[in-house]
Amino acid sequence: MLVAMTATGASLRRVATTRNRLQLARARTDRRDWVVKRRERTRHLIELGGLVVKSELVELTEDDRAVLFGLLVEAAAKLRGPERDQILLLWRRRGRREFGLGRTADGA
C-alpha cells in the first residue's frame, strides 16, 4: 500500500510538472495584442533598470530609491529648461563614450 501511494505521489508530481511546462510554453507563444504589449513594456523597463545599474548609480547611492528618483526628477527638470538641447547633446556624448569604453554590454 505504501509503495502504491509513493508511486501515485510521484506520478502526480510528474503530471503537475508537465502541466506547468505546457502552460509556460503557451504563455511564451501567446500573441494576443495586450500580451505582446505587456512583454514589450516589461522588456523596456528591464533595459532601463539595467542602465541605472550599469551607470553604477545603485552602488553610489547605496540603493536608496528616493535618491535615485530624486536624480531622475532633477534630470527631468533640467530637460524642461531653456538649455534642453545642450544638455541632451552633452549627456548623449557621455553616454556614447561610456558605451564605447565597453563598460556596458550594449554597443549602441
Protein backbone atom coordinates (compact mmCIF):
# COMPACT_ATOMS: atom_id res chain seq x y z
CA MET A 1 0.00 0.00 0.00
CA LEU A 2 2.81 2.43 0.91
CA VAL A 3 4.60 1.65 -2.36
CA ALA A 4 1.43 2.37 -4.34
CA MET A 5 0.91 5.70 -2.55
CA THR A 6 4.52 6.70 -3.14
CA ALA A 7 4.22 5.83 -6.83
CA THR A 8 0.96 7.78 -7.09
CA GLY A 9 2.54 10.81 -5.44
CA ALA A 10 5.50 10.68 -7.83
CA SER A 11 3.13 10.32 -10.78
CA LEU A 12 1.09 13.34 -9.65
CA ARG A 13 4.25 15.43 -9.35
CA ARG A 14 5.30 14.46 -12.90
CA VAL A 15 1.87 15.35 -14.26
CA ALA A 16 1.93 18.71 -12.44
CA THR A 17 5.42 19.45 -13.76
CA THR A 18 4.35 18.59 -17.31
CA ARG A 19 1.23 20.74 -16.99
CA ASN A 20 3.29 23.69 -15.72
CA ARG A 21 5.76 23.35 -18.59
CA LEU A 22 2.93 23.33 -21.12
CA GLN A 23 1.34 26.41 -19.55
CA LEU A 24 4.67 28.26 -19.62
CA ALA A 25 5.24 27.29 -23.26
CA ARG A 26 1.75 28.53 -24.15
CA ALA A 27 2.37 31.80 -22.29
CA ARG A 28 5.65 32.37 -24.16
CA THR A 29 3.97 31.96 -27.54
CA ASP A 30 0.83 33.94 -26.71
CA ARG A 31 0.38 36.53 -29.49
CA ARG A 32 -2.65 38.40 -28.20
CA ASP A 33 -2.15 42.14 -28.60
CA TRP A 34 -2.26 43.01 -24.90
CA VAL A 35 0.20 40.22 -24.05
CA VAL A 36 2.67 41.37 -26.69
CA LYS A 37 2.42 44.98 -25.48
CA ARG A 38 2.93 43.89 -21.87
CA ARG A 39 6.03 41.91 -22.85
CA GLU A 40 7.44 44.87 -24.79
CA ARG A 41 6.82 47.21 -21.84
CA THR A 42 8.42 44.74 -19.43
CA ARG A 43 11.49 44.39 -21.63
CA HIS A 44 11.77 48.18 -21.92
CA LEU A 45 11.59 48.63 -18.14
CA ILE A 46 14.20 45.92 -17.59
CA GLU A 47 16.54 47.60 -20.09
CA LEU A 48 16.11 50.97 -18.36
CA GLY A 49 16.79 49.38 -14.99
CA GLY A 50 19.90 47.80 -16.46
CA LEU A 51 21.16 51.23 -17.49
CA VAL A 52 20.71 52.50 -13.93
CA VAL A 53 22.74 49.55 -12.64
CA LYS A 54 25.42 49.89 -15.36
CA SER A 55 25.86 53.57 -14.55
CA GLU A 56 26.78 52.47 -11.00
CA LEU A 57 24.09 54.74 -9.55
CA VAL A 58 22.74 51.87 -7.47
CA GLU A 59 26.08 51.38 -5.72
CA LEU A 60 26.86 55.08 -5.47
CA THR A 61 23.51 55.81 -3.79
CA GLU A 62 23.61 52.61 -1.72
CA ASP A 63 20.41 51.50 -3.46
CA ASP A 64 18.46 54.41 -1.99
CA ARG A 65 15.37 54.59 -4.18
CA ALA A 66 14.47 58.08 -3.00
CA VAL A 67 17.88 59.38 -4.08
CA LEU A 68 17.63 57.62 -7.44
CA PHE A 69 14.18 59.04 -8.03
CA GLY A 70 15.40 62.49 -6.97
CA LEU A 71 18.22 62.28 -9.52
CA LEU A 72 15.74 61.41 -12.26
CA VAL A 73 13.37 64.19 -11.24
CA GLU A 74 16.27 66.65 -11.27
CA ALA A 75 17.30 65.48 -14.75
CA ALA A 76 13.71 65.87 -15.96
CA ALA A 77 13.60 69.41 -14.54
CA LYS A 78 16.79 70.32 -16.40
CA LEU A 79 15.34 68.95 -19.62
CA ARG A 80 12.32 71.23 -19.21
CA GLY A 81 14.61 74.27 -19.09
CA PRO A 82 15.91 76.52 -21.84
CA GLU A 83 19.21 74.62 -22.24
CA ARG A 84 17.49 71.34 -23.11
CA ASP A 85 19.27 70.79 -26.42
CA GLN A 86 22.72 71.48 -24.98
CA ILE A 87 22.11 69.16 -22.02
CA LEU A 88 20.86 66.37 -24.28
CA LEU A 89 23.90 66.75 -26.52
CA LEU A 90 26.27 66.60 -23.54
CA TRP A 91 24.55 63.58 -21.96
CA ARG A 92 24.33 61.78 -25.31
CA ARG A 93 28.09 62.25 -25.86
CA ARG A 94 28.87 61.00 -22.37
CA GLY A 95 26.60 58.01 -22.81
CA ARG A 96 28.08 57.05 -26.15
CA ARG A 97 31.57 57.45 -24.74
CA GLU A 98 30.71 55.07 -21.89
CA PHE A 99 29.19 52.57 -24.32
CA GLY A 100 32.37 52.84 -26.40
CA LEU A 101 34.59 52.13 -23.41
CA GLY A 102 32.97 48.74 -23.10
CA ARG A 103 31.67 49.38 -19.60
CA THR A 104 28.25 48.25 -20.75
CA ALA A 105 27.03 45.21 -22.65
CA ASP A 106 25.23 47.31 -25.29
CA GLY A 107 27.18 48.95 -28.06
CA ALA A 108 24.55 51.46 -29.20
